[in-house]
């Protein structure tokens, strides 16, 4: 960062101020960085599931509530939105690095509908050998669907297993079995894609013994990546009403923390190392590029009902109402419903809070991007977190400790709060609009 030098306290009329920073700091490489197209990530939301899980708070609907014609209509609207947004925002000029099909359960879509979406993406974007991820559920991944994913070029499959205990899974409202889960994992692996298995700590009915069993089955599945998500209950989840009426008991926070600590220990012994504070991969490789790019502030455009992303300094989200989404797109309109223009402070805070998810936050890159050392902006909070054994500070980085990995979101919240208020009492997010 450059500073304007004033050589004397005496006023002078010399020195015509034409620009800032002074031209002596301008470099040819800055032009190269400006001309180079910004990489882009795409998110595609598929809101359909075979069953709604009791813990789920995402915008999904079950197949039982939808006819084939309705799903086909949604896919048609999705394809039309992709075409419209790509033209409107000139997204075709940006090289696509990742494509993520999330939901919901993308593998419930027919092969024809998956192909339709894939074809329109090919037509409107520059694909730069992207990582292509599809979320899957055991009962939806059959041989023909696995073969089709391979034919489409899908190179990463994320299996939502959650638990290998049939009893725990049954209490979530799902019908999967351990046998189906293991078979689906083998099908996913047979495609040649990188395979991730999701587990959830703190589900109803889980115990130390059942959780340990799930962890061992996950390790034995020999996939490339293992993820542990904490069970969180929101008002639109099935668990919520049961908890409210005291007809359900979930493992306590202490139980869930113990479960996660056990998983980390077992994963490490099996050679799965943390690449963020809830994902562990063989030898620390097989990094999931989509989330990583998003957390590092790279642009993402979200397509489909309720999908959100970040484009040119604006956080954007589509309408969450399925019927309204389809109607808007069919009228030739973008289905965007709300957004937020991120200020410089917002961008710095976002980069820090989300960047800590990757365990090691690069202080030098932050200073190159924003002109400040992050430690100078929130030193008291960083020192307090270090004193609690949650972070480690080096000249180049701010990193989560082993203990900090267990408390990653807490660290992120603390740092975000510190950076939001650093040097000002103004409320953040003043530019956000519904």
Protein backbone atom coordinates (compact mmCIF):
# COMPACT_ATOMS: atom_id res chain seq x y z
CA UNK A 1 0.00 0.00 0.00
CA UNK A 2 1.33 3.47 -0.88
CA UNK A 3 0.94 6.59 1.21
CA UNK A 4 0.87 10.21 0.14
CA UNK A 5 3.99 11.90 1.49
CA UNK A 6 3.72 15.46 2.80
CA UNK A 7 7.28 16.82 3.21
CA UNK A 8 6.39 19.91 5.19
CA UNK A 9 3.69 21.18 7.49
CA UNK A 10 3.87 24.54 5.72
CA UNK A 11 1.19 24.99 3.04
CA UNK A 12 2.41 25.04 -0.57
CA UNK A 13 0.81 25.41 -3.98
CA UNK A 14 3.38 23.13 -5.63
CA UNK A 15 2.69 19.56 -6.65
CA UNK A 16 -0.37 19.20 -8.91
CA UNK A 17 -2.31 16.16 -7.67
CA UNK A 18 -3.40 14.21 -10.77
CA UNK A 19 -3.99 10.69 -9.54
CA UNK A 20 -3.50 8.21 -6.76
CA UNK A 21 -1.42 6.20 -6.27
CA UNK A 22 1.39 8.10 -8.00
CA UNK A 23 2.41 6.81 -11.42
CA UNK A 24 5.73 5.53 -10.10
CA UNK A 25 3.81 2.66 -8.50
CA UNK A 26 2.01 1.56 -11.70
CA UNK A 27 3.30 -1.67 -13.24
CA UNK A 28 2.80 -3.57 -16.53
CA UNK A 29 1.82 -6.73 -14.65
CA UNK A 30 -1.22 -4.92 -13.27
CA UNK A 31 -2.50 -4.57 -16.84
CA UNK A 32 -2.01 -8.30 -17.39
CA UNK A 33 -4.03 -9.10 -14.27
CA UNK A 34 -6.77 -6.70 -15.39
CA UNK A 35 -7.03 -8.15 -18.91
CA UNK A 36 -7.01 -11.78 -17.79
CA UNK A 37 -10.62 -13.06 -17.54
CA UNK A 38 -11.78 -13.78 -14.02
CA UNK A 39 -12.40 -17.49 -13.37
CA UNK A 40 -15.99 -18.49 -12.69
CA UNK A 41 -17.68 -21.22 -10.67
CA UNK A 42 -21.20 -22.43 -11.49
CA UNK A 43 -23.72 -23.81 -9.02
CA UNK A 44 -26.81 -25.66 -10.27
CA UNK A 45 -29.62 -26.25 -7.76
CA UNK A 46 -31.83 -29.32 -8.10
CA UNK A 47 -34.59 -29.03 -5.46
CA UNK A 48 -35.92 -32.60 -5.65
CA UNK A 49 -35.41 -35.51 -3.25
CA UNK A 50 -36.97 -38.93 -2.91
CA UNK A 51 -37.66 -38.18 0.74
CA UNK A 52 -37.19 -35.15 2.97
CA UNK A 53 -34.67 -35.80 5.73
CA UNK A 54 -35.77 -34.76 9.21
CA UNK A 55 -32.64 -32.62 9.68
CA UNK A 56 -32.82 -30.89 6.28
CA UNK A 57 -33.32 -27.12 6.08
CA UNK A 58 -32.54 -26.63 2.39
CA UNK A 59 -35.02 -25.61 -0.29
CA UNK A 60 -36.15 -29.03 -1.46
CA UNK A 61 -39.35 -30.82 -2.38
CA UNK A 62 -40.02 -34.55 -2.58
CA UNK A 63 -40.78 -36.49 -5.72
CA UNK A 64 -44.08 -37.53 -4.17
CA UNK A 65 -45.20 -33.91 -4.38
CA UNK A 66 -44.21 -33.50 -8.04
CA UNK A 67 -45.15 -35.09 -11.33
CA UNK A 68 -42.67 -35.79 -14.10
CA UNK A 69 -44.12 -32.91 -16.13
CA UNK A 70 -43.44 -30.47 -13.29
CA UNK A 71 -39.83 -31.60 -12.98
CA UNK A 72 -39.37 -31.36 -16.75
CA UNK A 73 -40.79 -27.83 -16.60
CA UNK A 74 -38.33 -26.87 -13.87
CA UNK A 75 -35.41 -28.21 -15.89
CA UNK A 76 -36.63 -26.23 -18.91
CA UNK A 77 -36.76 -23.09 -16.76
CA UNK A 78 -33.30 -23.85 -15.36
CA UNK A 79 -31.87 -24.17 -18.87
CA UNK A 80 -33.56 -20.94 -19.91
CA UNK A 81 -32.15 -19.11 -16.86
CA UNK A 82 -28.66 -20.34 -17.73
CA UNK A 83 -29.03 -18.96 -21.26
CA UNK A 84 -30.47 -15.62 -20.07
CA UNK A 85 -27.96 -14.98 -17.27
CA UNK A 86 -24.99 -16.01 -19.40
CA UNK A 87 -25.96 -13.42 -22.01
CA UNK A 88 -27.06 -10.71 -19.58
CA UNK A 89 -23.90 -10.81 -17.45
CA UNK A 90 -21.52 -11.87 -20.27
CA UNK A 91 -20.58 -14.93 -18.26
CA UNK A 92 -19.42 -16.70 -21.39
CA UNK A 93 -16.30 -14.50 -21.34
CA UNK A 94 -15.09 -16.07 -18.09
CA UNK A 95 -13.37 -19.48 -17.95
CA UNK A 96 -15.43 -21.92 -15.88
CA UNK A 97 -13.27 -23.72 -13.32
CA UNK A 98 -15.90 -25.64 -11.35
CA UNK A 99 -19.51 -26.79 -11.82
CA UNK A 100 -21.42 -28.02 -8.79
CA UNK A 101 -24.79 -29.79 -9.01
CA UNK A 102 -26.33 -29.54 -5.53
CA UNK A 103 -29.70 -29.93 -3.95
CA UNK A 104 -31.76 -31.65 -3.12
CA UNK A 105 -30.51 -34.72 -4.91
CA UNK A 106 -29.30 -34.09 -8.47
CA UNK A 107 -29.17 -37.84 -9.18
CA UNK A 108 -32.97 -38.04 -8.98
CA UNK A 109 -33.11 -36.29 -12.36
CA UNK A 110 -33.57 -38.45 -15.42
CA UNK A 111 -30.63 -38.99 -17.72
CA UNK A 112 -32.38 -36.87 -20.36
CA UNK A 113 -32.78 -33.94 -17.99
CA UNK A 114 -29.18 -34.16 -16.80
CA UNK A 115 -28.08 -34.15 -20.44
CA UNK A 116 -30.27 -31.11 -21.22
CA UNK A 117 -28.64 -29.09 -18.46
CA UNK A 118 -25.18 -30.20 -19.47
CA UNK A 119 -25.75 -29.30 -23.13
CA UNK A 120 -26.89 -25.75 -22.35
CA UNK A 121 -23.85 -25.24 -20.11
CA UNK A 122 -21.60 -26.37 -22.96
CA UNK A 123 -23.31 -23.98 -25.35
CA UNK A 124 -22.96 -20.85 -23.21
CA UNK A 125 -19.73 -21.17 -21.25
CA UNK A 126 -16.01 -21.59 -21.74
CA UNK A 127 -15.19 -24.76 -19.86
CA UNK A 128 -11.59 -24.74 -18.64
CA UNK A 129 -11.24 -28.43 -17.71
CA UNK A 130 -13.58 -27.83 -14.77
CA UNK A 131 -14.09 -29.88 -11.66
CA UNK A 132 -17.65 -31.20 -12.10
CA UNK A 133 -19.31 -32.31 -8.86
CA UNK A 134 -22.66 -34.04 -8.46
CA UNK A 135 -24.30 -34.70 -5.10
CA UNK A 136 -25.87 -38.17 -4.84
CA UNK A 137 -27.93 -40.25 -2.44
CA UNK A 138 -27.52 -44.04 -2.18
CA UNK A 139 -30.99 -45.03 -3.38
CA UNK A 140 -30.68 -42.84 -6.49
CA UNK A 141 -27.28 -43.98 -7.74
CA UNK A 142 -27.89 -47.06 -9.84
CA UNK A 143 -25.58 -48.52 -12.48
CA UNK A 144 -27.20 -46.75 -15.45
CA UNK A 145 -27.07 -43.38 -13.65
CA UNK A 146 -23.43 -43.91 -12.66
CA UNK A 147 -22.58 -44.74 -16.28
CA UNK A 148 -24.36 -41.58 -17.43
CA UNK A 149 -22.47 -39.38 -14.97
CA UNK A 150 -19.23 -40.81 -16.29
CA UNK A 151 -20.31 -40.14 -19.87
CA UNK A 152 -21.10 -36.51 -18.98
CA UNK A 153 -17.58 -36.06 -17.61
CA UNK A 154 -18.50 -35.82 -13.92
CA UNK A 155 -15.22 -36.11 -12.03
CA UNK A 156 -16.36 -35.70 -8.44
CA UNK A 157 -19.31 -37.38 -6.68
CA UNK A 158 -20.35 -36.45 -3.16
CA UNK A 159 -22.36 -39.20 -1.45
CA UNK A 160 -24.78 -38.05 1.27
CA UNK A 161 -24.50 -41.09 3.54
CA UNK A 162 -24.78 -39.29 6.94
CA UNK A 163 -24.66 -42.57 8.93
CA UNK A 164 -23.95 -46.24 8.28
CA UNK A 165 -26.30 -47.19 11.12
CA UNK A 166 -29.64 -48.30 9.67
CA UNK A 167 -31.42 -47.29 12.87
CA UNK A 168 -30.00 -43.75 12.87
CA UNK A 169 -30.81 -43.33 9.16
CA UNK A 170 -34.37 -44.61 9.69
CA UNK A 171 -34.95 -41.95 12.36
CA UNK A 172 -34.04 -39.25 9.84
CA UNK A 173 -36.96 -40.36 7.67
CA UNK A 174 -34.78 -41.95 5.02
CA UNK A 175 -35.05 -45.50 3.71
CA UNK A 176 -31.37 -46.10 2.90
CA UNK A 177 -29.56 -49.08 4.36
CA UNK A 178 -25.89 -49.69 5.00
CA UNK A 179 -25.89 -52.26 2.21
CA UNK A 180 -27.32 -49.74 -0.27
CA UNK A 181 -24.85 -47.08 0.85
CA UNK A 182 -21.83 -49.32 0.35
CA UNK A 183 -23.08 -50.47 -3.04
CA UNK A 184 -23.65 -46.86 -4.17
CA UNK A 185 -20.16 -45.88 -3.03
CA UNK A 186 -18.66 -48.67 -5.13
CA UNK A 187 -20.70 -47.53 -8.13
CA UNK A 188 -19.46 -43.98 -7.65
CA UNK A 189 -15.86 -45.16 -7.43
CA UNK A 190 -16.28 -47.26 -10.57
CA UNK A 191 -16.85 -44.08 -12.61
CA UNK A 192 -13.28 -42.97 -11.96
CA UNK A 193 -14.48 -39.83 -10.19
CA UNK A 194 -13.11 -38.55 -6.90
CA UNK A 195 -15.64 -39.72 -4.31
CA UNK A 196 -16.56 -37.95 -1.08
CA UNK A 197 -18.68 -39.43 1.71
CA UNK A 198 -20.67 -37.12 4.00
CA UNK A 199 -21.29 -38.04 7.63
CA UNK A 200 -23.37 -36.04 10.12
CA UNK A 201 -22.48 -35.92 13.79
CA UNK A 202 -25.29 -35.47 16.29
CA UNK A 203 -28.20 -37.17 14.54
CA UNK A 204 -31.09 -38.54 16.59
CA UNK A 205 -30.29 -41.92 18.07
CA UNK A 206 -26.54 -41.68 17.56
CA UNK A 207 -24.29 -42.94 20.34
CA UNK A 208 -20.55 -43.23 20.77
CA UNK A 209 -20.72 -46.84 19.60
CA UNK A 210 -22.92 -46.17 16.55
CA UNK A 211 -20.87 -43.12 15.58
CA UNK A 212 -17.63 -45.08 15.86
CA UNK A 213 -19.19 -47.75 13.64
CA UNK A 214 -20.06 -45.16 10.97
CA UNK A 215 -16.57 -43.69 11.09
CA UNK A 216 -14.99 -47.12 10.60
CA UNK A 217 -17.29 -47.99 7.70
CA UNK A 218 -16.46 -44.65 6.07
CA UNK A 219 -12.73 -45.30 6.38
CA UNK A 220 -13.12 -48.85 5.08
CA UNK A 221 -15.02 -47.57 2.03
CA UNK A 222 -11.64 -46.27 0.86
CA UNK A 223 -13.01 -43.13 -0.78
CA UNK A 224 -10.87 -40.10 -1.54
CA UNK A 225 -12.57 -37.66 0.82
CA UNK A 226 -14.56 -37.77 4.07
CA UNK A 227 -16.67 -34.92 5.40
CA UNK A 228 -18.22 -34.48 8.85
CA UNK A 229 -21.05 -31.99 9.18
CA UNK A 230 -22.51 -30.91 12.51
CA UNK A 231 -26.27 -31.41 12.88
CA UNK A 232 -27.89 -27.98 13.10
CA UNK A 233 -31.63 -27.57 13.63
CA UNK A 234 -33.55 -24.79 11.89
CA UNK A 235 -37.25 -23.91 12.03
CA UNK A 236 -38.03 -25.48 8.65
CA UNK A 237 -36.51 -28.87 9.54
CA UNK A 238 -38.55 -31.85 10.70
CA UNK A 239 -36.43 -32.15 13.83
CA UNK A 240 -37.53 -28.67 14.93
CA UNK A 241 -41.17 -29.43 15.75
CA UNK A 242 -40.24 -32.73 17.42
CA UNK A 243 -37.75 -30.93 19.64
CA UNK A 244 -40.27 -28.20 20.35
CA UNK A 245 -42.85 -30.77 21.45
CA UNK A 246 -40.21 -32.73 23.38
CA UNK A 247 -40.84 -35.89 21.35
CA UNK A 248 -37.21 -36.03 20.20
CA UNK A 249 -33.84 -35.88 21.91
CA UNK A 250 -30.64 -35.17 20.03
CA UNK A 251 -27.11 -35.81 21.24
CA UNK A 252 -25.88 -32.87 23.31
CA UNK A 253 -23.31 -30.36 22.08
CA UNK A 254 -20.76 -32.15 24.26
CA UNK A 255 -21.69 -35.48 22.65
CA UNK A 256 -21.40 -34.02 19.16
CA UNK A 257 -18.02 -32.47 19.95
CA UNK A 258 -16.79 -35.82 21.26
CA UNK A 259 -18.06 -37.58 18.12
CA UNK A 260 -16.20 -35.14 15.87
CA UNK A 261 -12.98 -35.35 17.89
CA UNK A 262 -13.13 -39.14 17.61
CA UNK A 263 -13.62 -38.93 13.83
CA UNK A 264 -10.65 -36.59 13.40
CA UNK A 265 -8.41 -38.91 15.42
CA UNK A 266 -9.45 -41.99 13.46
CA UNK A 267 -9.21 -40.23 10.10
CA UNK A 268 -5.69 -39.04 10.88
CA UNK A 269 -4.57 -42.55 11.81
CA UNK A 270 -6.05 -43.80 8.51
CA UNK A 271 -4.16 -41.18 6.50
CA UNK A 272 -7.02 -38.73 5.97
CA UNK A 273 -5.76 -35.21 6.65
CA UNK A 274 -7.83 -32.03 7.11
CA UNK A 275 -8.08 -29.74 4.06
CA UNK A 276 -10.74 -27.62 5.73
CA UNK A 277 -12.19 -27.92 9.19
CA UNK A 278 -14.80 -30.50 8.22
CA UNK A 279 -13.25 -32.30 5.24
CA UNK A 280 -10.46 -34.88 5.41
CA UNK A 281 -8.79 -36.35 2.34
CA UNK A 282 -6.28 -39.06 1.57
CA UNK A 283 -2.88 -37.56 2.24
CA UNK A 284 -4.35 -34.05 2.14
CA UNK A 285 -4.94 -34.24 -1.62
CA UNK A 286 -8.17 -34.29 -3.67
CA UNK A 287 -9.09 -30.76 -2.59
CA UNK A 288 -12.67 -29.82 -3.46
CA UNK A 289 -12.13 -26.83 -5.71
CA UNK A 290 -15.68 -25.44 -5.82
CA UNK A 291 -16.06 -24.56 -2.15
CA UNK A 292 -12.40 -23.60 -1.90
CA UNK A 293 -12.73 -21.08 -4.72
CA UNK A 294 -15.87 -19.62 -3.20
CA UNK A 295 -14.29 -19.23 0.23
CA UNK A 296 -11.33 -17.47 -1.37
CA UNK A 297 -13.68 -14.89 -2.89
CA UNK A 298 -13.70 -16.10 -6.49
CA UNK A 299 -16.87 -15.52 -8.47
CA UNK A 300 -19.74 -18.01 -8.39
CA UNK A 301 -23.06 -17.79 -10.21
CA UNK A 302 -25.94 -19.84 -8.83
CA UNK A 303 -28.71 -21.16 -11.09
CA UNK A 304 -32.04 -22.59 -9.94
CA UNK A 305 -34.54 -21.87 -7.20
CA UNK A 306 -32.93 -20.29 -4.08
CA UNK A 307 -29.43 -20.55 -5.59
CA UNK A 308 -26.96 -17.85 -4.57
CA UNK A 309 -23.53 -16.66 -5.58
CA UNK A 310 -21.06 -13.78 -5.75
CA UNK A 311 -20.54 -11.74 -8.92
CA UNK A 312 -18.59 -8.50 -9.37
CA UNK A 313 -18.74 -7.57 -5.72
CA UNK A 314 -22.43 -8.40 -5.33
CA UNK A 315 -23.92 -11.32 -3.41
CA UNK A 316 -27.02 -12.46 -5.31
CA UNK A 317 -29.81 -14.96 -4.64
CA UNK A 318 -32.71 -16.27 -6.70
CA UNK A 319 -36.25 -16.45 -5.37
CA UNK A 320 -36.86 -19.35 -3.00
CA UNK A 321 -40.41 -19.96 -4.23
CA UNK A 322 -40.41 -22.75 -6.81
CA UNK A 323 -43.55 -21.64 -8.65
CA UNK A 324 -42.39 -18.02 -8.75
CA UNK A 325 -38.96 -19.08 -10.01
CA UNK A 326 -40.47 -20.97 -12.95
CA UNK A 327 -42.95 -18.19 -13.72
CA UNK A 328 -40.30 -15.45 -13.75
CA UNK A 329 -37.98 -17.40 -16.02
CA UNK A 330 -40.83 -18.29 -18.39
CA UNK A 331 -41.65 -14.57 -18.59
CA UNK A 332 -38.10 -13.95 -19.77
CA UNK A 333 -36.98 -12.38 -16.47
CA UNK A 334 -34.04 -13.14 -14.24
CA UNK A 335 -35.32 -14.83 -11.05
CA UNK A 336 -33.04 -12.78 -8.77
CA UNK A 337 -34.83 -11.81 -5.56
CA UNK A 338 -32.28 -10.16 -3.28
CA UNK A 339 -28.66 -9.16 -3.08
CA UNK A 340 -25.99 -7.18 -1.33
CA UNK A 341 -23.30 -4.89 -2.75
CA UNK A 342 -20.26 -5.75 -0.70
CA UNK A 343 -18.18 -2.83 0.51
CA UNK A 344 -14.39 -3.06 0.78
CA UNK A 345 -14.85 -3.91 4.46
CA UNK A 346 -17.43 -6.58 3.61
CA UNK A 347 -15.06 -8.18 1.13
CA UNK A 348 -12.20 -8.20 3.62
CA UNK A 349 -14.43 -9.68 6.32
CA UNK A 350 -15.81 -12.32 3.95
CA UNK A 351 -12.33 -13.34 2.81
CA UNK A 352 -11.13 -13.70 6.39
CA UNK A 353 -14.15 -15.46 7.89
CA UNK A 354 -14.59 -17.93 5.03
CA UNK A 355 -10.88 -18.21 4.30
CA UNK A 356 -10.29 -19.58 7.80
CA UNK A 357 -12.36 -22.62 6.77
CA UNK A 358 -9.28 -23.70 4.81
CA UNK A 359 -7.33 -23.94 8.11
CA UNK A 360 -4.46 -21.75 6.90
CA UNK A 361 -5.21 -18.12 6.05
CA UNK A 362 -2.57 -16.38 3.94
CA UNK A 363 -1.71 -13.03 5.55
CA UNK A 364 0.55 -12.01 2.65
CA UNK A 365 -2.17 -12.55 0.04
CA UNK A 366 -4.66 -10.58 2.15
CA UNK A 367 -2.21 -7.70 2.39
CA UNK A 368 -1.49 -7.85 -1.36
CA UNK A 369 -5.22 -7.72 -2.09
CA UNK A 370 -6.33 -5.09 0.43
CA UNK A 371 -3.21 -3.25 1.59
CA UNK A 372 -3.59 -4.22 5.25
CA UNK A 373 -2.12 -6.90 7.45
CA UNK A 374 -5.09 -8.69 8.97
CA UNK A 375 -3.34 -8.77 12.34
CA UNK A 376 -3.21 -4.98 12.46
CA UNK A 377 -6.99 -4.86 11.98
CA UNK A 378 -8.08 -7.32 14.66
CA UNK A 379 -5.05 -7.99 16.84
CA UNK A 380 -6.87 -8.24 20.22
CA UNK A 381 -9.24 -10.93 18.89
CA UNK A 382 -6.43 -12.88 17.24
CA UNK A 383 -4.38 -12.75 20.43
CA UNK A 384 -7.37 -13.93 22.48
CA UNK A 385 -7.98 -16.85 20.08
CA UNK A 386 -4.29 -17.74 20.21
CA UNK A 387 -4.36 -17.64 24.01
CA UNK A 388 -7.30 -20.08 23.90
CA UNK A 389 -5.24 -22.42 21.75
CA UNK A 390 -7.51 -22.05 18.71
CA UNK A 391 -5.18 -20.31 16.27
CA UNK A 392 -1.48 -20.05 15.59
CA UNK A 393 0.10 -16.87 14.23
CA UNK A 394 3.16 -16.81 11.96
CA UNK A 395 4.55 -13.97 9.82
CA UNK A 396 2.90 -15.50 6.74
CA UNK A 397 -0.30 -17.03 8.02
CA UNK A 398 -3.08 -17.32 10.56
CA UNK A 399 -3.84 -21.01 11.07
CA UNK A 400 -6.29 -23.13 13.01
CA UNK A 401 -4.72 -25.44 15.55
CA UNK A 402 -5.90 -29.01 16.05
CA UNK A 403 -8.27 -27.68 18.71
CA UNK A 404 -9.26 -24.82 16.40
CA UNK A 405 -10.42 -27.27 13.74
CA UNK A 406 -13.11 -28.40 16.17
CA UNK A 407 -14.20 -24.80 16.70
CA UNK A 408 -13.71 -23.49 13.16
CA UNK A 409 -16.98 -21.60 12.71
CA UNK A 410 -16.62 -20.05 16.16
CA UNK A 411 -13.21 -18.72 15.12
CA UNK A 412 -14.68 -17.41 11.87
CA UNK A 413 -17.51 -15.62 13.68
CA UNK A 414 -15.10 -14.03 16.17
CA UNK A 415 -12.77 -12.77 13.45
CA UNK A 416 -15.65 -11.50 11.33
CA UNK A 417 -17.09 -9.54 14.25
CA UNK A 418 -13.68 -8.03 14.98
CA UNK A 419 -13.07 -7.00 11.38
CA UNK A 420 -16.61 -5.63 10.90
CA UNK A 421 -16.06 -3.11 13.68
CA UNK A 422 -12.34 -2.44 13.33
CA UNK A 423 -11.80 1.31 13.45
CA UNK A 424 -15.47 2.22 13.08
CA UNK A 425 -18.80 2.10 14.84
CA UNK A 426 -20.78 2.02 11.59
CA UNK A 427 -23.01 -0.95 11.01
CA UNK A 428 -21.77 -3.32 8.31
CA UNK A 429 -23.84 -4.35 5.35
CA UNK A 430 -25.49 -0.94 4.89
CA UNK A 431 -25.56 -1.53 1.14
CA UNK A 432 -27.53 -4.77 1.36
CA UNK A 433 -31.06 -4.71 -0.03
CA UNK A 434 -33.88 -7.24 -0.13
